[in-house]
PDB file of all heavy atoms in Angstrom:
ATOM      1  N   ARG A   1       2.636  -3.148 -17.345  1.00  0.00           N
ATOM      2  CA  ARG A   1       2.914  -4.580 -17.225  1.00  0.00           C
ATOM      3  C   ARG A   1       1.701  -5.417 -16.821  1.00  0.00           C
ATOM      4  O   ARG A   1       1.657  -6.614 -17.106  1.00  0.00           O
ATOM      5  CB  ARG A   1       4.026  -4.789 -16.186  1.00  0.00           C
ATOM      6  CG  ARG A   1       5.392  -4.283 -16.628  1.00  0.00           C
ATOM      7  CD  ARG A   1       5.897  -5.070 -17.815  1.00  0.00           C
ATOM      8  NE  ARG A   1       7.302  -4.755 -18.134  1.00  0.00           N
ATOM      9  CZ  ARG A   1       7.988  -5.370 -19.100  1.00  0.00           C
ATOM     10  NH1 ARG A   1       7.395  -6.305 -19.826  1.00  0.00           N
ATOM     11  NH2 ARG A   1       9.254  -5.032 -19.324  1.00  0.00           N
ATOM     12  N   LEU A   2       0.732  -4.820 -16.157  1.00  0.00           N
ATOM     13  CA  LEU A   2      -0.381  -5.603 -15.620  1.00  0.00           C
ATOM     14  C   LEU A   2      -1.133  -6.419 -16.677  1.00  0.00           C
ATOM     15  O   LEU A   2      -1.532  -7.559 -16.400  1.00  0.00           O
ATOM     16  CB  LEU A   2      -1.350  -4.693 -14.860  1.00  0.00           C
ATOM     17  CG  LEU A   2      -0.876  -4.257 -13.472  1.00  0.00           C
ATOM     18  CD1 LEU A   2      -1.850  -3.269 -12.859  1.00  0.00           C
ATOM     19  CD2 LEU A   2      -0.706  -5.471 -12.559  1.00  0.00           C
ATOM     20  N   PRO A   3      -1.367  -5.922 -17.899  1.00  0.00           N
ATOM     21  CA  PRO A   3      -2.059  -6.742 -18.893  1.00  0.00           C
ATOM     22  C   PRO A   3      -1.291  -8.001 -19.279  1.00  0.00           C
ATOM     23  O   PRO A   3      -1.873  -8.936 -19.853  1.00  0.00           O
ATOM     24  CB  PRO A   3      -2.216  -5.800 -20.095  1.00  0.00           C
ATOM     25  CG  PRO A   3      -2.110  -4.435 -19.533  1.00  0.00           C
ATOM     26  CD  PRO A   3      -1.146  -4.549 -18.397  1.00  0.00           C
ATOM     27  N   GLN A   4       0.010  -8.039 -18.975  1.00  0.00           N
ATOM     28  CA  GLN A   4       0.820  -9.201 -19.331  1.00  0.00           C
ATOM     29  C   GLN A   4       0.745 -10.313 -18.290  1.00  0.00           C
ATOM     30  O   GLN A   4       1.299 -11.389 -18.498  1.00  0.00           O
ATOM     31  CB  GLN A   4       2.270  -8.755 -19.525  1.00  0.00           C
ATOM     32  CG  GLN A   4       2.445  -7.702 -20.606  1.00  0.00           C
ATOM     33  CD  GLN A   4       3.872  -7.163 -20.657  1.00  0.00           C
ATOM     34  OE1 GLN A   4       4.822  -7.841 -20.303  1.00  0.00           O
ATOM     35  NE2 GLN A   4       4.012  -5.930 -21.111  1.00  0.00           N
ATOM     36  N   VAL A   5       0.075 -10.049 -17.182  1.00  0.00           N
ATOM     37  CA  VAL A   5      -0.080 -11.067 -16.151  1.00  0.00           C
ATOM     38  C   VAL A   5      -1.302 -11.914 -16.493  1.00  0.00           C
ATOM     39  O   VAL A   5      -2.398 -11.381 -16.706  1.00  0.00           O
ATOM     40  CB  VAL A   5      -0.257 -10.438 -14.757  1.00  0.00           C
ATOM     41  CG1 VAL A   5      -0.271 -11.516 -13.689  1.00  0.00           C
ATOM     42  CG2 VAL A   5       0.859  -9.432 -14.482  1.00  0.00           C
ATOM     43  N   LYS A   6      -1.128 -13.214 -16.559  1.00  0.00           N
ATOM     44  CA  LYS A   6      -2.233 -14.103 -16.900  1.00  0.00           C
ATOM     45  C   LYS A   6      -3.317 -14.031 -15.826  1.00  0.00           C
ATOM     46  O   LYS A   6      -3.019 -13.970 -14.631  1.00  0.00           O
ATOM     47  CB  LYS A   6      -1.721 -15.531 -17.043  1.00  0.00           C
ATOM     48  CG  LYS A   6      -0.767 -15.712 -18.207  1.00  0.00           C
ATOM     49  CD  LYS A   6      -0.004 -17.023 -18.128  1.00  0.00           C
ATOM     50  CE  LYS A   6      -0.921 -18.206 -18.239  1.00  0.00           C
ATOM     51  NZ  LYS A   6      -0.160 -19.478 -18.279  1.00  0.00           N
ATOM     52  N   LEU A   7      -4.556 -14.054 -16.263  1.00  0.00           N
ATOM     53  CA  LEU A   7      -5.678 -13.942 -15.337  1.00  0.00           C
ATOM     54  C   LEU A   7      -5.712 -15.086 -14.334  1.00  0.00           C
ATOM     55  O   LEU A   7      -6.104 -14.907 -13.181  1.00  0.00           O
ATOM     56  CB  LEU A   7      -6.994 -13.878 -16.113  1.00  0.00           C
ATOM     57  CG  LEU A   7      -7.202 -12.628 -16.974  1.00  0.00           C
ATOM     58  CD1 LEU A   7      -8.515 -12.718 -17.734  1.00  0.00           C
ATOM     59  CD2 LEU A   7      -7.170 -11.374 -16.113  1.00  0.00           C
ATOM     60  N   VAL A   8      -5.295 -16.262 -14.781  1.00  0.00           N
ATOM     61  CA  VAL A   8      -5.286 -17.401 -13.855  1.00  0.00           C
ATOM     62  C   VAL A   8      -4.279 -17.174 -12.741  1.00  0.00           C
ATOM     63  O   VAL A   8      -4.506 -17.566 -11.583  1.00  0.00           O
ATOM     64  CB  VAL A   8      -4.996 -18.714 -14.614  1.00  0.00           C
ATOM     65  CG1 VAL A   8      -3.588 -18.730 -15.196  1.00  0.00           C
ATOM     66  CG2 VAL A   8      -5.221 -19.913 -13.707  1.00  0.00           C
ATOM     67  N   ASP A   9      -3.166 -16.490 -13.055  1.00  0.00           N
ATOM     68  CA  ASP A   9      -2.175 -16.185 -12.028  1.00  0.00           C
ATOM     69  C   ASP A   9      -2.673 -15.078 -11.097  1.00  0.00           C
ATOM     70  O   ASP A   9      -2.435 -15.125  -9.883  1.00  0.00           O
ATOM     71  CB  ASP A   9      -0.855 -15.769 -12.676  1.00  0.00           C
ATOM     72  CG  ASP A   9      -0.135 -16.943 -13.327  1.00  0.00           C
ATOM     73  OD1 ASP A   9      -0.375 -18.092 -12.893  1.00  0.00           O
ATOM     74  OD2 ASP A   9       0.651 -16.720 -14.264  1.00  0.00           O
ATOM     75  N   VAL A  10      -3.359 -14.088 -11.670  1.00  0.00           N
ATOM     76  CA  VAL A  10      -3.919 -13.032 -10.825  1.00  0.00           C
ATOM     77  C   VAL A  10      -4.869 -13.645  -9.798  1.00  0.00           C
ATOM     78  O   VAL A  10      -4.825 -13.310  -8.610  1.00  0.00           O
ATOM     79  CB  VAL A  10      -4.650 -11.978 -11.680  1.00  0.00           C
ATOM     80  CG1 VAL A  10      -5.394 -10.990 -10.786  1.00  0.00           C
ATOM     81  CG2 VAL A  10      -3.665 -11.241 -12.578  1.00  0.00           C
ATOM     82  N   LYS A  11      -5.724 -14.544 -10.247  1.00  0.00           N
ATOM     83  CA  LYS A  11      -6.656 -15.183  -9.314  1.00  0.00           C
ATOM     84  C   LYS A  11      -5.899 -16.005  -8.272  1.00  0.00           C
ATOM     85  O   LYS A  11      -6.235 -15.983  -7.084  1.00  0.00           O
ATOM     86  CB  LYS A  11      -7.641 -16.063 -10.074  1.00  0.00           C
ATOM     87  CG  LYS A  11      -8.640 -16.750  -9.158  1.00  0.00           C
ATOM     88  CD  LYS A  11      -9.634 -17.598  -9.928  1.00  0.00           C
ATOM     89  CE  LYS A  11     -10.622 -18.255  -8.972  1.00  0.00           C
ATOM     90  NZ  LYS A  11     -11.612 -19.101  -9.676  1.00  0.00           N
ATOM     91  N   ARG A  12      -4.878 -16.728  -8.714  1.00  0.00           N
ATOM     92  CA  ARG A  12      -4.132 -17.611  -7.814  1.00  0.00           C
ATOM     93  C   ARG A  12      -3.370 -16.814  -6.752  1.00  0.00           C
ATOM     94  O   ARG A  12      -3.247 -17.253  -5.601  1.00  0.00           O
ATOM     95  CB  ARG A  12      -3.160 -18.456  -8.649  1.00  0.00           C
ATOM     96  CG  ARG A  12      -2.307 -19.432  -7.875  1.00  0.00           C
ATOM     97  CD  ARG A  12      -1.774 -20.493  -8.831  1.00  0.00           C
ATOM     98  NE  ARG A  12      -0.996 -19.915  -9.910  1.00  0.00           N
ATOM     99  CZ  ARG A  12       0.324 -19.832  -9.915  1.00  0.00           C
ATOM    100  NH1 ARG A  12       1.010 -20.262  -8.868  1.00  0.00           N
ATOM    101  NH2 ARG A  12       0.970 -19.324 -10.933  1.00  0.00           N
ATOM    102  N   TRP A  13      -2.896 -15.633  -7.131  1.00  0.00           N
ATOM    103  CA  TRP A  13      -2.059 -14.849  -6.217  1.00  0.00           C
ATOM    104  C   TRP A  13      -2.844 -13.846  -5.382  1.00  0.00           C
ATOM    105  O   TRP A  13      -2.294 -13.264  -4.442  1.00  0.00           O
ATOM    106  CB  TRP A  13      -0.995 -14.100  -7.022  1.00  0.00           C
ATOM    107  CG  TRP A  13       0.010 -15.002  -7.677  1.00  0.00           C
ATOM    108  CD1 TRP A  13       0.423 -16.221  -7.240  1.00  0.00           C
ATOM    109  CD2 TRP A  13       0.735 -14.739  -8.890  1.00  0.00           C
ATOM    110  NE1 TRP A  13       1.353 -16.753  -8.101  1.00  0.00           N
ATOM    111  CE2 TRP A  13       1.570 -15.857  -9.131  1.00  0.00           C
ATOM    112  CE3 TRP A  13       0.770 -13.682  -9.803  1.00  0.00           C
ATOM    113  CZ2 TRP A  13       2.420 -15.940 -10.232  1.00  0.00           C
ATOM    114  CZ3 TRP A  13       1.618 -13.757 -10.893  1.00  0.00           C
ATOM    115  CH2 TRP A  13       2.430 -14.878 -11.099  1.00  0.00           C
ATOM    116  N   THR A  14      -4.088 -13.611  -5.699  1.00  0.00           N
ATOM    117  CA  THR A  14      -4.844 -12.566  -5.002  1.00  0.00           C
ATOM    118  C   THR A  14      -5.159 -12.964  -3.559  1.00  0.00           C
ATOM    119  O   THR A  14      -5.686 -14.050  -3.299  1.00  0.00           O
ATOM    120  CB  THR A  14      -6.155 -12.262  -5.749  1.00  0.00           C
ATOM    121  OG1 THR A  14      -5.847 -11.751  -7.053  1.00  0.00           O
ATOM    122  CG2 THR A  14      -6.984 -11.240  -4.992  1.00  0.00           C
ATOM    123  N   LYS A  15      -4.834 -12.064  -2.639  1.00  0.00           N
ATOM    124  CA  LYS A  15      -5.155 -12.274  -1.221  1.00  0.00           C
ATOM    125  C   LYS A  15      -6.568 -11.755  -0.967  1.00  0.00           C
ATOM    126  O   LYS A  15      -6.909 -10.639  -1.354  1.00  0.00           O
ATOM    127  CB  LYS A  15      -4.162 -11.525  -0.325  1.00  0.00           C
ATOM    128  CG  LYS A  15      -2.720 -11.994  -0.468  1.00  0.00           C
ATOM    129  CD  LYS A  15      -1.797 -11.200   0.438  1.00  0.00           C
ATOM    130  CE  LYS A  15      -0.345 -11.633   0.287  1.00  0.00           C
ATOM    131  NZ  LYS A  15      -0.128 -13.028   0.713  1.00  0.00           N
ATOM    132  N   ARG A  16      -7.381 -12.553  -0.299  1.00  0.00           N
ATOM    133  CA  ARG A  16      -8.772 -12.197  -0.037  1.00  0.00           C
ATOM    134  C   ARG A  16      -9.018 -12.080   1.466  1.00  0.00           C
ATOM    135  O   ARG A  16      -8.331 -12.720   2.264  1.00  0.00           O
ATOM    136  CB  ARG A  16      -9.710 -13.228  -0.663  1.00  0.00           C
ATOM    137  CG  ARG A  16      -9.531 -13.356  -2.177  1.00  0.00           C
ATOM    138  CD  ARG A  16     -10.366 -14.469  -2.778  1.00  0.00           C
ATOM    139  NE  ARG A  16     -10.095 -14.603  -4.203  1.00  0.00           N
ATOM    140  CZ  ARG A  16     -10.708 -13.906  -5.155  1.00  0.00           C
ATOM    141  NH1 ARG A  16     -11.666 -13.036  -4.804  1.00  0.00           N
ATOM    142  NH2 ARG A  16     -10.401 -14.061  -6.431  1.00  0.00           N
ATOM    143  N   GLY A  17     -10.003 -11.294   1.799  1.00  0.00           N
ATOM    144  CA  GLY A  17     -10.348 -11.134   3.209  1.00  0.00           C
ATOM    145  C   GLY A  17      -9.277 -10.447   4.027  1.00  0.00           C
ATOM    146  O   GLY A  17      -9.122 -10.725   5.225  1.00  0.00           O
ATOM    147  N   VAL A  18      -8.552  -9.567   3.390  1.00  0.00           N
ATOM    148  CA  VAL A  18      -7.450  -8.878   4.076  1.00  0.00           C
ATOM    149  C   VAL A  18      -8.010  -7.863   5.071  1.00  0.00           C
ATOM    150  O   VAL A  18      -8.987  -7.155   4.797  1.00  0.00           O
ATOM    151  CB  VAL A  18      -6.546  -8.182   3.045  1.00  0.00           C
ATOM    152  CG1 VAL A  18      -5.554  -7.255   3.723  1.00  0.00           C
ATOM    153  CG2 VAL A  18      -5.825  -9.215   2.193  1.00  0.00           C
ATOM    154  N   ALA A  19      -7.374  -7.789   6.246  1.00  0.00           N
ATOM    155  CA  ALA A  19      -7.724  -6.771   7.250  1.00  0.00           C
ATOM    156  C   ALA A  19      -7.014  -5.470   6.883  1.00  0.00           C
ATOM    157  O   ALA A  19      -5.774  -5.420   6.865  1.00  0.00           O
ATOM    158  CB  ALA A  19      -7.322  -7.233   8.645  1.00  0.00           C
ATOM    159  N   TRP A  20      -7.794  -4.420   6.580  1.00  0.00           N
ATOM    160  CA  TRP A  20      -7.185  -3.175   6.112  1.00  0.00           C
ATOM    161  C   TRP A  20      -6.328  -2.510   7.181  1.00  0.00           C
ATOM    162  O   TRP A  20      -5.337  -1.838   6.860  1.00  0.00           O
ATOM    163  CB  TRP A  20      -8.279  -2.226   5.624  1.00  0.00           C
ATOM    164  CG  TRP A  20      -9.118  -2.806   4.517  1.00  0.00           C
ATOM    165  CD1 TRP A  20     -10.461  -2.941   4.493  1.00  0.00           C
ATOM    166  CD2 TRP A  20      -8.633  -3.346   3.269  1.00  0.00           C
ATOM    167  NE1 TRP A  20     -10.866  -3.533   3.317  1.00  0.00           N
ATOM    168  CE2 TRP A  20      -9.756  -3.785   2.548  1.00  0.00           C
ATOM    169  CE3 TRP A  20      -7.359  -3.503   2.704  1.00  0.00           C
ATOM    170  CZ2 TRP A  20      -9.656  -4.380   1.295  1.00  0.00           C
ATOM    171  CZ3 TRP A  20      -7.251  -4.089   1.458  1.00  0.00           C
ATOM    172  CH2 TRP A  20      -8.385  -4.517   0.766  1.00  0.00           C
ATOM    173  N   ASP A  21      -6.655  -2.702   8.426  1.00  0.00           N
ATOM    174  CA  ASP A  21      -5.814  -2.153   9.493  1.00  0.00           C
ATOM    175  C   ASP A  21      -4.421  -2.773   9.450  1.00  0.00           C
ATOM    176  O   ASP A  21      -3.414  -2.082   9.691  1.00  0.00           O
ATOM    177  CB  ASP A  21      -6.453  -2.409  10.863  1.00  0.00           C
ATOM    178  CG  ASP A  21      -7.677  -1.538  11.112  1.00  0.00           C
ATOM    179  OD1 ASP A  21      -7.833  -0.539  10.380  1.00  0.00           O
ATOM    180  OD2 ASP A  21      -8.464  -1.858  12.020  1.00  0.00           O
ATOM    181  N   ASP A  22      -4.369  -4.064   9.123  1.00  0.00           N
ATOM    182  CA  ASP A  22      -3.070  -4.730   9.040  1.00  0.00           C
ATOM    183  C   ASP A  22      -2.261  -4.189   7.859  1.00  0.00           C
ATOM    184  O   ASP A  22      -1.039  -4.030   7.951  1.00  0.00           O
ATOM    185  CB  ASP A  22      -3.268  -6.236   8.905  1.00  0.00           C
ATOM    186  CG  ASP A  22      -1.967  -7.004   9.049  1.00  0.00           C
ATOM    187  OD1 ASP A  22      -1.280  -6.823  10.075  1.00  0.00           O
ATOM    188  OD2 ASP A  22      -1.625  -7.774   8.122  1.00  0.00           O
ATOM    189  N   VAL A  23      -2.954  -3.913   6.742  1.00  0.00           N
ATOM    190  CA  VAL A  23      -2.265  -3.325   5.586  1.00  0.00           C
ATOM    191  C   VAL A  23      -1.686  -1.959   5.954  1.00  0.00           C
ATOM    192  O   VAL A  23      -0.544  -1.630   5.591  1.00  0.00           O
ATOM    193  CB  VAL A  23      -3.237  -3.195   4.396  1.00  0.00           C
ATOM    194  CG1 VAL A  23      -2.546  -2.494   3.218  1.00  0.00           C
ATOM    195  CG2 VAL A  23      -3.757  -4.556   3.968  1.00  0.00           C
ATOM    196  N   ALA A  24      -2.458  -1.184   6.684  1.00  0.00           N
ATOM    197  CA  ALA A  24      -1.992   0.154   7.064  1.00  0.00           C
ATOM    198  C   ALA A  24      -0.818   0.096   8.024  1.00  0.00           C
ATOM    199  O   ALA A  24       0.103   0.927   7.949  1.00  0.00           O
ATOM    200  CB  ALA A  24      -3.153   0.948   7.692  1.00  0.00           C
ATOM    201  N   TRP A  25      -0.804  -0.865   8.940  1.00  0.00           N
ATOM    202  CA  TRP A  25       0.259  -0.980   9.921  1.00  0.00           C
ATOM    203  C   TRP A  25       1.505  -1.652   9.358  1.00  0.00           C
ATOM    204  O   TRP A  25       2.625  -1.326   9.756  1.00  0.00           O
ATOM    205  CB  TRP A  25      -0.234  -1.750  11.147  1.00  0.00           C
ATOM    206  CG  TRP A  25      -1.049  -0.918  12.085  1.00  0.00           C
ATOM    207  CD1 TRP A  25      -2.404  -0.919  12.232  1.00  0.00           C
ATOM    208  CD2 TRP A  25      -0.558   0.057  12.994  1.00  0.00           C
ATOM    209  NE1 TRP A  25      -2.798   0.000  13.167  1.00  0.00           N
ATOM    210  CE2 TRP A  25      -1.679   0.610  13.659  1.00  0.00           C
ATOM    211  CE3 TRP A  25       0.726   0.525  13.315  1.00  0.00           C
ATOM    212  CZ2 TRP A  25      -1.565   1.606  14.628  1.00  0.00           C
ATOM    213  CZ3 TRP A  25       0.825   1.526  14.280  1.00  0.00           C
ATOM    214  CH2 TRP A  25      -0.296   2.058  14.920  1.00  0.00           C
ATOM    215  N   ARG A  26       1.322  -2.613   8.463  1.00  0.00           N
ATOM    216  CA  ARG A  26       2.475  -3.357   7.926  1.00  0.00           C
ATOM    217  C   ARG A  26       2.428  -3.364   6.402  1.00  0.00           C
ATOM    218  O   ARG A  26       2.273  -4.412   5.765  1.00  0.00           O
ATOM    219  CB  ARG A  26       2.467  -4.787   8.465  1.00  0.00           C
ATOM    220  CG  ARG A  26       2.570  -4.862   9.989  1.00  0.00           C
ATOM    221  CD  ARG A  26       2.761  -6.297  10.450  1.00  0.00           C
ATOM    222  NE  ARG A  26       1.631  -7.157  10.087  1.00  0.00           N
ATOM    223  CZ  ARG A  26       1.625  -8.483  10.251  1.00  0.00           C
ATOM    224  NH1 ARG A  26       2.681  -9.093  10.749  1.00  0.00           N
ATOM    225  NH2 ARG A  26       0.546  -9.187   9.912  1.00  0.00           N
ATOM    226  N   PRO A  27       2.558  -2.210   5.783  1.00  0.00           N
ATOM    227  CA  PRO A  27       2.403  -2.125   4.317  1.00  0.00           C
ATOM    228  C   PRO A  27       3.444  -2.921   3.548  1.00  0.00           C
ATOM    229  O   PRO A  27       3.167  -3.407   2.445  1.00  0.00           O
ATOM    230  CB  PRO A  27       2.534  -0.628   4.041  1.00  0.00           C
ATOM    231  CG  PRO A  27       3.306  -0.081   5.207  1.00  0.00           C
ATOM    232  CD  PRO A  27       2.880  -0.896   6.376  1.00  0.00           C
TER     233      PRO A  27
END
């Protein structure tokens, strides 16, 4: 399904500067 996602939406939805410890604790 990933190729069907518009690139403009991928950019708009992408979270940046994420703390990896937070991802590990609250996946």
